[in-house]
Amino acid sequence: MGVLGDRFPDRQIQSYVGRCLNPGRVLYLFCGFTTPPKDKYLVLLCPRVTPRPLLFFINSRIRPYIQRHPDLLNCQVLLEASHYSFLSHDSFIDCSKVIDRFDCSAIRSQLVNDIGRIKGELDRDTKREIIQVVQLARTISPHHKRLIIESLKELA
């Protein structure tokens, strides 16, 4: 069985993917830079930043290292599985570390090849919570803070 996107013309898929690349969108991307390389959920924060958009990882649990460091623990935003249908269990957005390891074309390519990798969108409350956490995060540069806050504020 093929993927859903196989049933639509290329032009329509490209257009759909382009419309979905907005702040607060949750994507399921292959991350060749993780150890081990694997598919991960990520939140798209600043899709228009070139050449590398800004994202946050979504993790299924909070690692012990983060639990022992209050500055990092305060940067975890809960996503309840009961509120987000694409999750099978409660998860956490790690707002302590900005991911800028993908270029725009790599993200588009993964999504065009499988539009099922576009998982959903964060609600306004979660976007507001991310903004609050980012404002206080000591691990994010002022430049990235400004970009993330401006990008999400438009939608929160």
Protein backbone atom coordinates (compact mmCIF):
# COMPACT_ATOMS: atom_id res chain seq x y z
CA MET A 1 0.00 0.00 0.00
CA GLY A 2 1.35 3.43 -0.95
CA VAL A 3 1.17 6.66 1.04
CA LEU A 4 -1.78 9.04 0.79
CA GLY A 5 0.24 11.60 -1.17
CA ASP A 6 0.66 9.12 -4.03
CA ARG A 7 -2.98 9.76 -4.97
CA PHE A 8 -2.55 13.46 -5.73
CA PRO A 9 -0.72 15.34 -8.51
CA ASP A 10 2.75 16.60 -7.64
CA ARG A 11 1.66 20.25 -7.95
CA GLN A 12 -1.10 19.78 -5.37
CA ILE A 13 1.23 18.02 -2.94
CA GLN A 14 3.84 20.79 -3.26
CA SER A 15 1.16 23.41 -2.67
CA TYR A 16 -0.27 21.57 0.34
CA VAL A 17 3.18 21.15 1.93
CA GLY A 18 3.92 24.85 1.40
CA ARG A 19 0.67 25.83 3.15
CA CYS A 20 1.47 23.53 6.07
CA LEU A 21 4.88 25.01 6.78
CA ASN A 22 3.78 27.47 9.43
CA PRO A 23 4.84 28.15 13.03
CA GLY A 24 3.45 25.64 15.51
CA ARG A 25 3.12 22.80 12.99
CA VAL A 26 4.18 19.39 14.30
CA LEU A 27 6.23 17.33 11.85
CA TYR A 28 7.63 13.80 12.00
CA LEU A 29 11.05 14.00 10.37
CA PHE A 30 13.97 11.67 9.93
CA CYS A 31 16.88 13.11 11.92
CA GLY A 32 20.14 11.78 10.55
CA PHE A 33 22.08 13.85 13.11
CA THR A 34 20.68 12.11 16.23
CA THR A 35 22.36 9.11 17.87
CA PRO A 36 21.08 6.79 16.63
CA PRO A 37 19.55 8.42 13.54
CA LYS A 38 15.76 8.13 13.74
CA ASP A 39 12.38 9.67 13.04
CA LYS A 40 11.38 12.31 15.61
CA TYR A 41 8.48 14.64 16.25
CA LEU A 42 9.46 18.30 15.98
CA VAL A 43 7.68 21.63 16.29
CA LEU A 44 8.31 24.03 13.45
CA LEU A 45 8.97 27.46 14.94
CA CYS A 46 10.38 29.72 12.25
CA PRO A 47 9.83 28.24 8.80
CA ARG A 48 10.86 31.41 6.94
CA VAL A 49 14.35 31.58 8.44
CA THR A 50 16.79 30.67 5.69
CA PRO A 51 18.60 28.57 5.02
CA ARG A 52 17.77 26.64 8.21
CA PRO A 53 14.35 26.90 9.86
CA LEU A 54 14.16 26.68 13.65
CA LEU A 55 12.51 23.73 15.40
CA PHE A 56 12.16 22.11 18.84
CA PHE A 57 12.25 18.38 19.55
CA ILE A 58 9.26 16.63 21.08
CA ASN A 59 10.35 13.84 23.44
CA SER A 60 8.34 11.05 25.00
CA ARG A 61 10.05 11.52 28.35
CA ILE A 62 12.28 13.96 30.17
CA ARG A 63 15.82 12.65 30.44
CA PRO A 64 17.34 12.33 33.94
CA TYR A 65 19.98 14.96 33.12
CA ILE A 66 17.27 17.53 32.41
CA GLN A 67 15.35 16.51 35.54
CA ARG A 68 18.44 17.32 37.64
CA HIS A 69 18.80 20.83 36.14
CA PRO A 70 15.94 23.22 37.00
CA ASP A 71 16.85 25.68 34.21
CA LEU A 72 16.38 22.90 31.65
CA LEU A 73 13.41 21.29 33.37
CA ASN A 74 11.55 24.62 33.28
CA CYS A 75 11.98 24.57 29.48
CA GLN A 76 9.83 21.44 28.98
CA VAL A 77 6.27 22.01 27.75
CA LEU A 78 3.80 19.17 28.28
CA LEU A 79 1.77 17.89 25.34
CA GLU A 80 -1.09 15.72 26.56
CA ALA A 81 -1.89 12.79 24.26
CA SER A 82 -5.59 13.25 25.06
CA HIS A 83 -5.38 16.70 23.45
CA TYR A 84 -3.21 15.85 20.43
CA SER A 85 -4.44 12.88 18.40
CA PHE A 86 -1.08 12.30 16.71
CA LEU A 87 0.49 11.35 20.07
CA SER A 88 0.09 7.90 21.62
CA HIS A 89 1.29 9.13 25.04
CA ASP A 90 2.01 12.39 26.85
CA SER A 91 5.16 14.04 25.52
CA PHE A 92 7.28 17.14 26.09
CA ILE A 93 8.49 19.92 23.83
CA ASP A 94 12.11 20.61 24.72
CA CYS A 95 12.31 24.39 24.52
CA SER A 96 15.86 24.47 25.89
CA LYS A 97 17.56 23.67 22.59
CA VAL A 98 16.85 25.13 19.16
CA ILE A 99 17.24 22.65 16.32
CA ASP A 100 18.56 24.23 13.12
CA ARG A 101 20.04 21.16 11.46
CA PHE A 102 17.59 20.92 8.50
CA ASP A 103 17.58 23.13 5.46
CA CYS A 104 14.22 24.09 3.97
CA SER A 105 14.58 21.75 1.01
CA ALA A 106 15.28 18.71 3.23
CA ILE A 107 12.10 19.33 5.22
CA ARG A 108 10.03 19.88 2.07
CA SER A 109 11.46 16.75 0.48
CA GLN A 110 10.51 14.54 3.43
CA LEU A 111 7.00 16.01 3.55
CA VAL A 112 6.40 15.84 -0.20
CA ASN A 113 7.52 12.20 -0.23
CA ASP A 114 5.13 11.40 2.64
CA ILE A 115 2.53 14.02 3.59
CA GLY A 116 1.64 11.77 6.54
CA ARG A 117 4.71 13.29 8.21
CA ILE A 118 2.63 16.44 8.73
CA LYS A 119 1.08 15.53 12.07
CA GLY A 120 -0.90 18.49 13.34
CA GLU A 121 -0.72 21.94 14.82
CA LEU A 122 -0.26 23.20 18.35
CA ASP A 123 -3.19 25.04 19.88
CA ARG A 124 -3.00 28.69 20.97
CA ASP A 125 -2.49 27.85 24.66
CA THR A 126 0.51 25.66 23.89
CA LYS A 127 1.99 28.34 21.61
CA ARG A 128 1.57 30.90 24.40
CA GLU A 129 3.25 28.55 26.86
CA ILE A 130 6.19 28.08 24.48
CA ILE A 131 6.52 31.86 24.17
CA GLN A 132 6.61 32.21 27.98
CA VAL A 133 9.19 29.45 28.34
CA VAL A 134 11.38 30.80 25.54
CA GLN A 135 11.37 34.29 27.08
CA LEU A 136 12.91 32.84 30.27
CA ALA A 137 15.19 30.22 28.68
CA ARG A 138 18.86 30.80 29.42
CA THR A 139 19.97 28.33 26.77
CA ILE A 140 18.53 30.16 23.76
CA SER A 141 20.32 33.08 22.14
CA PRO A 142 18.59 36.48 22.18
CA HIS A 143 18.47 36.36 18.37
CA HIS A 144 16.68 33.00 18.32
CA LYS A 145 14.36 34.11 21.14
CA ARG A 146 13.28 37.13 19.12
CA LEU A 147 12.65 35.06 15.98
CA ILE A 148 10.69 32.37 17.82
CA ILE A 149 8.57 34.79 19.84
CA GLU A 150 7.73 36.95 16.82
CA SER A 151 6.86 33.91 14.75
CA LEU A 152 4.60 32.27 17.34
CA LYS A 153 3.07 35.51 18.62
CA GLU A 154 1.35 36.07 15.29
CA LEU A 155 -0.64 32.87 15.91
CA ALA A 156 -1.09 32.83 19.70
